Amino acid sequence: MLKVQRIHKKYGKTTVLNNLSFSIAPGEIIGLVGENGAGKSTLLKLLATIEKPTSGKLSYKELTYDKKRKEVRKRIGYVPQDVAIWDDLTVKENMKFFEKLSWVNKSEDELFQLCKDMNLDRWKDPVKNLSGGMKRKLNLAISLIHDPEILLLDEPTVGIDLKSRKEIGAYLQTLKEQQKMIVYISHDMDEITELCDRVICIGSDPFYKNVLEESGKKMIICK
């Protein structure tokens, strides 16, 4: 279980997150929605151990973020909104490069299989020749090299074609069946209601709350 307990985050005098609490169980996909600037990406960075909360407690199983930060980090896969891969390297070279930075060793066949599982078979092609959807798939594959238990995704399908979006969504369902915990940011409410088990709505904009109520999706409202 991943637990977020009474989290506050401030930058100077500006409060970004205020008294935020929820938990995530294995095999659950949680959506994060809200207007721009509501704190969605900030929350993902807190969960990813990239930033620290101003107050409150984060924990995963028996590990608390404040005391066991490195141990928690090894269990997390994080995909930022910006694609973080090397354009001049091939898919194969990118996968092998990031495998060297990982906490686990994977064979070339295992790395190739990760890509094939997402219908990314352009193994020897330079990344600069790939479509936006294929680049997003590669970004996701890299985050899974060390077989994380928690997957944090910041708009992983933004700006890509419908086919790639559907393929990524289908693959996330297979990860859910493997009991991964997934936190998913998207502005596409159809995608959120179709993919996620529960949704955390951050901010005061009533639009997201109204859409979720109409869909019957379970939600947590965080001001």
C-alpha atoms as a PDB file:
ATOM      1  CA  MET A   1       0.000   0.000   0.000  1.00  0.00           C
ATOM      2  CA  LEU A   2       1.212   3.483  -0.915  1.00  0.00           C
ATOM      3  CA  LYS A   3      -0.009   6.044   1.620  1.00  0.00           C
ATOM      4  CA  VAL A   4      -0.200   9.826   1.380  1.00  0.00           C
ATOM      5  CA  GLN A   5      -1.055  11.372   4.744  1.00  0.00           C
ATOM      6  CA  ARG A   6      -1.884  15.059   5.253  1.00  0.00           C
ATOM      7  CA  ILE A   7       0.612  16.283   2.660  1.00  0.00           C
ATOM      8  CA  HIS A   8       1.305  20.005   2.361  1.00  0.00           C
ATOM      9  CA  LYS A   9       3.621  21.524  -0.256  1.00  0.00           C
ATOM     10  CA  LYS A  10       4.602  25.178  -0.379  1.00  0.00           C
ATOM     11  CA  TYR A  11       6.970  27.159  -2.579  1.00  0.00           C
ATOM     12  CA  GLY A  12       7.791  30.252  -0.575  1.00  0.00           C
ATOM     13  CA  LYS A  13       4.445  31.682   0.485  1.00  0.00           C
ATOM     14  CA  THR A  14       2.490  29.827  -2.212  1.00  0.00           C
ATOM     15  CA  THR A  15       0.627  26.708  -1.130  1.00  0.00           C
ATOM     16  CA  VAL A  16       0.437  24.150  -3.952  1.00  0.00           C
ATOM     17  CA  LEU A  17      -0.960  21.138  -2.092  1.00  0.00           C
ATOM     18  CA  ASN A  18      -2.923  21.376   1.133  1.00  0.00           C
ATOM     19  CA  ASN A  19      -3.780  18.534   3.530  1.00  0.00           C
ATOM     20  CA  LEU A  20      -3.836  15.847   0.832  1.00  0.00           C
ATOM     21  CA  SER A  21      -4.525  12.240   1.928  1.00  0.00           C
ATOM     22  CA  PHE A  22      -5.203   9.040  -0.004  1.00  0.00           C
ATOM     23  CA  SER A  23      -3.856   5.517  -0.461  1.00  0.00           C
ATOM     24  CA  ILE A  24      -3.198   3.250  -3.444  1.00  0.00           C
ATOM     25  CA  ALA A  25      -3.481  -0.525  -3.412  1.00  0.00           C
ATOM     26  CA  PRO A  26      -1.567  -2.996  -5.606  1.00  0.00           C
ATOM     27  CA  GLY A  27      -3.299  -3.535  -8.951  1.00  0.00           C
ATOM     28  CA  GLU A  28      -4.934  -0.100  -8.960  1.00  0.00           C
ATOM     29  CA  ILE A  29      -4.736   2.730 -11.490  1.00  0.00           C
ATOM     30  CA  ILE A  30      -5.332   6.158  -9.935  1.00  0.00           C
ATOM     31  CA  GLY A  31      -6.028   9.181 -12.129  1.00  0.00           C
ATOM     32  CA  LEU A  32      -4.972  12.726 -11.269  1.00  0.00           C
ATOM     33  CA  VAL A  33      -7.024  15.551 -12.801  1.00  0.00           C
ATOM     34  CA  GLY A  34      -7.342  19.286 -12.300  1.00  0.00           C
ATOM     35  CA  GLU A  35      -6.723  22.581 -14.045  1.00  0.00           C
ATOM     36  CA  ASN A  36      -3.207  23.711 -14.976  1.00  0.00           C
ATOM     37  CA  GLY A  37      -1.266  24.760 -11.888  1.00  0.00           C
ATOM     38  CA  ALA A  38      -3.423  22.741  -9.494  1.00  0.00           C
ATOM     39  CA  GLY A  39      -0.438  20.687  -8.287  1.00  0.00           C
ATOM     40  CA  LYS A  40      -0.748  17.412 -10.211  1.00  0.00           C
ATOM     41  CA  SER A  41       2.848  17.297 -11.444  1.00  0.00           C
ATOM     42  CA  THR A  42       4.073  18.483  -8.044  1.00  0.00           C
ATOM     43  CA  LEU A  43       2.285  15.582  -6.376  1.00  0.00           C
ATOM     44  CA  LEU A  44       3.833  13.150  -8.852  1.00  0.00           C
ATOM     45  CA  LYS A  45       7.302  14.525  -8.077  1.00  0.00           C
ATOM     46  CA  LEU A  46       6.658  14.048  -4.359  1.00  0.00           C
ATOM     47  CA  LEU A  47       5.612  10.448  -4.957  1.00  0.00           C
ATOM     48  CA  ALA A  48       8.687   9.938  -7.165  1.00  0.00           C
ATOM     49  CA  THR A  49      11.037  11.206  -4.375  1.00  0.00           C
ATOM     50  CA  ILE A  50      12.186  14.068  -6.653  1.00  0.00           C
ATOM     51  CA  GLU A  51      10.837  16.663  -4.215  1.00  0.00           C
ATOM     52  CA  LYS A  52      10.006  16.593  -0.519  1.00  0.00           C
ATOM     53  CA  PRO A  53       6.737  17.716   1.084  1.00  0.00           C
ATOM     54  CA  THR A  54       6.669  20.752   3.337  1.00  0.00           C
ATOM     55  CA  SER A  55       4.846  18.614   5.891  1.00  0.00           C
ATOM     56  CA  GLY A  56       2.973  15.339   6.085  1.00  0.00           C
ATOM     57  CA  LYS A  57       3.983  11.715   5.568  1.00  0.00           C
ATOM     58  CA  LEU A  58       4.574   9.478   2.541  1.00  0.00           C
ATOM     59  CA  SER A  59       5.114   5.747   2.913  1.00  0.00           C
ATOM     60  CA  TYR A  60       5.216   2.576   0.844  1.00  0.00           C
ATOM     61  CA  LYS A  61       4.637  -0.688   2.702  1.00  0.00           C
ATOM     62  CA  GLU A  62       6.937  -0.443   5.729  1.00  0.00           C
ATOM     63  CA  LEU A  63       9.194   2.191   4.136  1.00  0.00           C
ATOM     64  CA  THR A  64       8.758   5.881   4.939  1.00  0.00           C
ATOM     65  CA  TYR A  65       9.970   8.409   2.383  1.00  0.00           C
ATOM     66  CA  ASP A  66      11.810  10.529   4.939  1.00  0.00           C
ATOM     67  CA  LYS A  67      13.922   7.682   6.360  1.00  0.00           C
ATOM     68  CA  LYS A  68      14.107   5.145   3.492  1.00  0.00           C
ATOM     69  CA  ARG A  69      14.177   7.418   0.463  1.00  0.00           C
ATOM     70  CA  LYS A  70      16.703   5.413  -1.591  1.00  0.00           C
ATOM     71  CA  GLU A  71      14.913   2.123  -0.926  1.00  0.00           C
ATOM     72  CA  VAL A  72      11.571   3.619  -1.988  1.00  0.00           C
ATOM     73  CA  ARG A  73      13.117   5.140  -5.124  1.00  0.00           C
ATOM     74  CA  LYS A  74      14.242   1.715  -6.331  1.00  0.00           C
ATOM     75  CA  ARG A  75      10.608   0.619  -6.431  1.00  0.00           C
ATOM     76  CA  ILE A  76       9.419   3.559  -8.549  1.00  0.00           C
ATOM     77  CA  GLY A  77       9.202   4.090 -12.292  1.00  0.00           C
ATOM     78  CA  TYR A  78       8.661   7.743 -13.253  1.00  0.00           C
ATOM     79  CA  VAL A  79       7.729   9.081 -16.693  1.00  0.00           C
ATOM     80  CA  PRO A  80       7.847  12.901 -16.900  1.00  0.00           C
ATOM     81  CA  GLN A  81       5.699  14.806 -19.379  1.00  0.00           C
ATOM     82  CA  ASP A  82       8.715  15.728 -21.495  1.00  0.00           C
ATOM     83  CA  VAL A  83      10.176  12.811 -23.439  1.00  0.00           C
ATOM     84  CA  ALA A  84      13.584  12.064 -21.861  1.00  0.00           C
ATOM     85  CA  ILE A  85      15.442   9.957 -24.427  1.00  0.00           C
ATOM     86  CA  TRP A  86      18.414  10.375 -26.771  1.00  0.00           C
ATOM     87  CA  ASP A  87      17.266  11.318 -30.276  1.00  0.00           C
ATOM     88  CA  ASP A  88      20.512  10.404 -32.041  1.00  0.00           C
ATOM     89  CA  LEU A  89      20.672   6.903 -30.529  1.00  0.00           C
ATOM     90  CA  THR A  90      18.636   3.937 -31.708  1.00  0.00           C
ATOM     91  CA  VAL A  91      15.884   2.351 -29.632  1.00  0.00           C
ATOM     92  CA  LYS A  92      18.308  -0.461 -28.777  1.00  0.00           C
ATOM     93  CA  GLU A  93      21.063   1.972 -27.743  1.00  0.00           C
ATOM     94  CA  ASN A  94      18.659   3.963 -25.569  1.00  0.00           C
ATOM     95  CA  MET A  95      17.441   0.838 -23.796  1.00  0.00           C
ATOM     96  CA  LYS A  96      20.982  -0.433 -23.203  1.00  0.00           C
ATOM     97  CA  PHE A  97      22.139   3.004 -22.001  1.00  0.00           C
ATOM     98  CA  PHE A  98      19.377   3.311 -19.417  1.00  0.00           C
ATOM     99  CA  GLU A  99      19.790  -0.334 -18.384  1.00  0.00           C
ATOM    100  CA  LYS A 100      23.369   0.555 -17.336  1.00  0.00           C
ATOM    101  CA  LEU A 101      21.939   3.258 -15.059  1.00  0.00           C
ATOM    102  CA  SER A 102      19.348   0.897 -13.592  1.00  0.00           C
ATOM    103  CA  TRP A 103      19.489  -1.053 -10.335  1.00  0.00           C
ATOM    104  CA  VAL A 104      18.997  -4.355 -12.166  1.00  0.00           C
ATOM    105  CA  ASN A 105      20.713  -6.110 -15.039  1.00  0.00           C
ATOM    106  CA  LYS A 106      18.644  -7.020 -18.088  1.00  0.00           C
ATOM    107  CA  SER A 107      19.737  -8.925 -21.173  1.00  0.00           C
ATOM    108  CA  GLU A 108      19.322  -7.445 -24.635  1.00  0.00           C
ATOM    109  CA  ASP A 109      16.540  -9.966 -25.288  1.00  0.00           C
ATOM    110  CA  GLU A 110      14.691  -8.826 -22.152  1.00  0.00           C
ATOM    111  CA  LEU A 111      15.023  -5.186 -23.165  1.00  0.00           C
ATOM    112  CA  PHE A 112      13.767  -5.976 -26.661  1.00  0.00           C
ATOM    113  CA  GLN A 113      10.797  -7.849 -25.197  1.00  0.00           C
ATOM    114  CA  LEU A 114       9.838  -4.808 -23.116  1.00  0.00           C
ATOM    115  CA  CYS A 115       9.598  -2.791 -26.320  1.00  0.00           C
ATOM    116  CA  LYS A 116       7.768  -5.494 -28.258  1.00  0.00           C
ATOM    117  CA  ASP A 117       5.188  -5.772 -25.465  1.00  0.00           C
ATOM    118  CA  MET A 118       4.167  -2.212 -26.371  1.00  0.00           C
ATOM    119  CA  ASN A 119       4.263  -2.803 -30.135  1.00  0.00           C
ATOM    120  CA  LEU A 120       7.529  -0.883 -30.414  1.00  0.00           C
ATOM    121  CA  ASP A 121       9.545  -2.988 -32.856  1.00  0.00           C
ATOM    122  CA  ARG A 122      11.794  -0.331 -34.439  1.00  0.00           C
ATOM    123  CA  TRP A 123      14.730  -1.730 -32.451  1.00  0.00           C
ATOM    124  CA  LYS A 124      17.536  -0.493 -34.695  1.00  0.00           C
ATOM    125  CA  ASP A 125      15.998   2.811 -35.800  1.00  0.00           C
ATOM    126  CA  PRO A 126      17.294   6.168 -34.509  1.00  0.00           C
ATOM    127  CA  VAL A 127      14.816   7.736 -32.123  1.00  0.00           C
ATOM    128  CA  LYS A 128      14.688  10.905 -34.245  1.00  0.00           C
ATOM    129  CA  ASN A 129      12.988   8.829 -36.965  1.00  0.00           C
ATOM    130  CA  LEU A 130      10.209   7.588 -34.676  1.00  0.00           C
ATOM    131  CA  SER A 131       6.693   8.966 -34.408  1.00  0.00           C
ATOM    132  CA  GLY A 132       5.603  10.794 -31.271  1.00  0.00           C
ATOM    133  CA  GLY A 133       3.663   7.739 -30.147  1.00  0.00           C
ATOM    134  CA  MET A 134       6.684   5.463 -30.494  1.00  0.00           C
ATOM    135  CA  LYS A 135       8.829   7.908 -28.531  1.00  0.00           C
ATOM    136  CA  ARG A 136       6.247   7.852 -25.737  1.00  0.00           C
ATOM    137  CA  LYS A 137       6.303   4.051 -25.750  1.00  0.00           C
ATOM    138  CA  LEU A 138      10.102   4.063 -25.495  1.00  0.00           C
ATOM    139  CA  ASN A 139       9.950   6.525 -22.605  1.00  0.00           C
ATOM    140  CA  LEU A 140       7.573   4.154 -20.823  1.00  0.00           C
ATOM    141  CA  ALA A 141       9.694   1.083 -21.609  1.00  0.00           C
ATOM    142  CA  ILE A 142      12.759   2.767 -20.092  1.00  0.00           C
ATOM    143  CA  SER A 143      10.868   3.440 -16.863  1.00  0.00           C
ATOM    144  CA  LEU A 144      10.078  -0.283 -16.590  1.00  0.00           C
ATOM    145  CA  ILE A 145      13.613  -1.651 -17.027  1.00  0.00           C
ATOM    146  CA  HIS A 146      14.066  -2.170 -13.269  1.00  0.00           C
ATOM    147  CA  ASP A 147      10.586  -3.722 -12.882  1.00  0.00           C
ATOM    148  CA  PRO A 148       9.160  -1.067 -10.524  1.00  0.00           C
ATOM    149  CA  GLU A 149       6.223  -1.739  -8.242  1.00  0.00           C
ATOM    150  CA  ILE A 150       4.941   1.856  -8.559  1.00  0.00           C
ATOM    151  CA  LEU A 151       4.568   3.600 -11.927  1.00  0.00           C
ATOM    152  CA  LEU A 152       4.069   7.380 -12.051  1.00  0.00           C
ATOM    153  CA  LEU A 153       2.990   8.817 -15.415  1.00  0.00           C
ATOM    154  CA  ASP A 154       2.717  12.535 -16.223  1.00  0.00           C
ATOM    155  CA  GLU A 155       0.551  12.826 -19.361  1.00  0.00           C
ATOM    156  CA  PRO A 156       2.204   9.864 -21.128  1.00  0.00           C
ATOM    157  CA  THR A 157      -0.086  10.057 -24.167  1.00  0.00           C
ATOM    158  CA  VAL A 158      -0.209  13.807 -24.776  1.00  0.00           C
ATOM    159  CA  GLY A 159       0.034  14.782 -28.451  1.00  0.00           C
ATOM    160  CA  ILE A 160       0.127  11.260 -29.901  1.00  0.00           C
ATOM    161  CA  ASP A 161      -2.082   9.325 -32.296  1.00  0.00           C
ATOM    162  CA  LEU A 162      -5.132   7.377 -31.144  1.00  0.00           C
ATOM    163  CA  LYS A 163      -3.620   3.984 -32.036  1.00  0.00           C
ATOM    164  CA  SER A 164      -0.543   4.563 -29.844  1.00  0.00           C
ATOM    165  CA  ARG A 165      -2.748   5.915 -27.063  1.00  0.00           C
ATOM    166  CA  LYS A 166      -4.897   2.781 -27.124  1.00  0.00           C
ATOM    167  CA  GLU A 167      -1.829   0.527 -27.188  1.00  0.00           C
ATOM    168  CA  ILE A 168      -0.322   2.284 -24.167  1.00  0.00           C
ATOM    169  CA  GLY A 169      -3.645   2.037 -22.317  1.00  0.00           C
ATOM    170  CA  ALA A 170      -3.890  -1.696 -23.083  1.00  0.00           C
ATOM    171  CA  TYR A 171      -0.343  -2.240 -21.857  1.00  0.00           C
ATOM    172  CA  LEU A 172      -1.067  -0.400 -18.602  1.00  0.00           C
ATOM    173  CA  GLN A 173      -3.944  -2.814 -18.038  1.00  0.00           C
ATOM    174  CA  THR A 174      -1.481  -5.720 -18.248  1.00  0.00           C
ATOM    175  CA  LEU A 175       0.709  -3.976 -15.661  1.00  0.00           C
ATOM    176  CA  LYS A 176      -2.341  -3.577 -13.443  1.00  0.00           C
ATOM    177  CA  GLU A 177      -2.921  -7.331 -13.685  1.00  0.00           C
ATOM    178  CA  GLN A 178       0.673  -7.763 -12.474  1.00  0.00           C
ATOM    179  CA  GLN A 179      -0.340  -5.802  -9.343  1.00  0.00           C
ATOM    180  CA  LYS A 180       1.561  -2.644 -10.225  1.00  0.00           C
ATOM    181  CA  MET A 181       0.375   0.597  -8.640  1.00  0.00           C
ATOM    182  CA  ILE A 182      -0.104   3.266 -11.307  1.00  0.00           C
ATOM    183  CA  VAL A 183      -0.713   7.011 -10.899  1.00  0.00           C
ATOM    184  CA  TYR A 184      -1.779   8.665 -14.150  1.00  0.00           C
ATOM    185  CA  ILE A 185      -2.085  12.357 -15.051  1.00  0.00           C
ATOM    186  CA  SER A 186      -4.143  13.291 -18.102  1.00  0.00           C
ATOM    187  CA  HIS A 187      -6.348  16.138 -19.334  1.00  0.00           C
ATOM    188  CA  ASP A 188      -8.269  13.660 -21.498  1.00  0.00           C
ATOM    189  CA  MET A 189     -11.291  12.829 -19.365  1.00  0.00           C
ATOM    190  CA  ASP A 190     -12.408  10.012 -21.667  1.00  0.00           C
ATOM    191  CA  GLU A 191      -9.025   8.399 -21.150  1.00  0.00           C
ATOM    192  CA  ILE A 192      -9.224   8.926 -17.380  1.00  0.00           C
ATOM    193  CA  THR A 193     -12.716   7.469 -16.986  1.00  0.00           C
ATOM    194  CA  GLU A 194     -11.923   4.502 -19.231  1.00  0.00           C
ATOM    195  CA  LEU A 195      -8.548   3.592 -17.719  1.00  0.00           C
ATOM    196  CA  CYS A 196      -8.584   4.516 -14.032  1.00  0.00           C
ATOM    197  CA  ASP A 197     -10.180   2.750 -11.066  1.00  0.00           C
ATOM    198  CA  ARG A 198     -10.383   5.902  -8.966  1.00  0.00           C
ATOM    199  CA  VAL A 199      -9.642   9.556  -9.660  1.00  0.00           C
ATOM    200  CA  ILE A 200      -8.143  12.266  -7.464  1.00  0.00           C
ATOM    201  CA  CYS A 201      -9.515  15.669  -8.410  1.00  0.00           C
ATOM    202  CA  ILE A 202      -7.189  18.509  -7.335  1.00  0.00           C
ATOM    203  CA  GLY A 203      -8.299  22.136  -7.239  1.00  0.00           C
ATOM    204  CA  SER A 204     -11.561  24.035  -7.227  1.00  0.00           C
ATOM    205  CA  ASP A 205     -12.606  23.809 -10.899  1.00  0.00           C
ATOM    206  CA  PRO A 206     -16.023  22.062 -10.894  1.00  0.00           C
ATOM    207  CA  PHE A 207     -15.617  20.768 -14.466  1.00  0.00           C
ATOM    208  CA  TYR A 208     -13.637  17.684 -13.513  1.00  0.00           C
ATOM    209  CA  LYS A 209     -15.911  16.845 -10.596  1.00  0.00           C
ATOM    210  CA  ASN A 210     -19.003  17.108 -12.816  1.00  0.00           C
ATOM    211  CA  VAL A 211     -17.531  14.870 -15.526  1.00  0.00           C
ATOM    212  CA  LEU A 212     -16.520  12.248 -12.976  1.00  0.00           C
ATOM    213  CA  GLU A 213     -19.934  12.311 -11.311  1.00  0.00           C
ATOM    214  CA  GLU A 214     -21.612  11.744 -14.675  1.00  0.00           C
ATOM    215  CA  SER A 215     -19.315   8.800 -15.397  1.00  0.00           C
ATOM    216  CA  GLY A 216     -19.948   7.224 -11.996  1.00  0.00           C
ATOM    217  CA  LYS A 217     -16.205   7.026 -11.368  1.00  0.00           C
ATOM    218  CA  LYS A 218     -15.059   6.889  -7.736  1.00  0.00           C
ATOM    219  CA  MET A 219     -13.189  10.057  -6.825  1.00  0.00           C
ATOM    220  CA  ILE A 220     -11.395  11.921  -4.075  1.00  0.00           C
ATOM    221  CA  ILE A 221     -11.852  15.710  -4.008  1.00  0.00           C
ATOM    222  CA  CYS A 222      -8.788  17.671  -2.872  1.00  0.00           C
ATOM    223  CA  LYS A 223      -8.970  21.462  -2.645  1.00  0.00           C
END
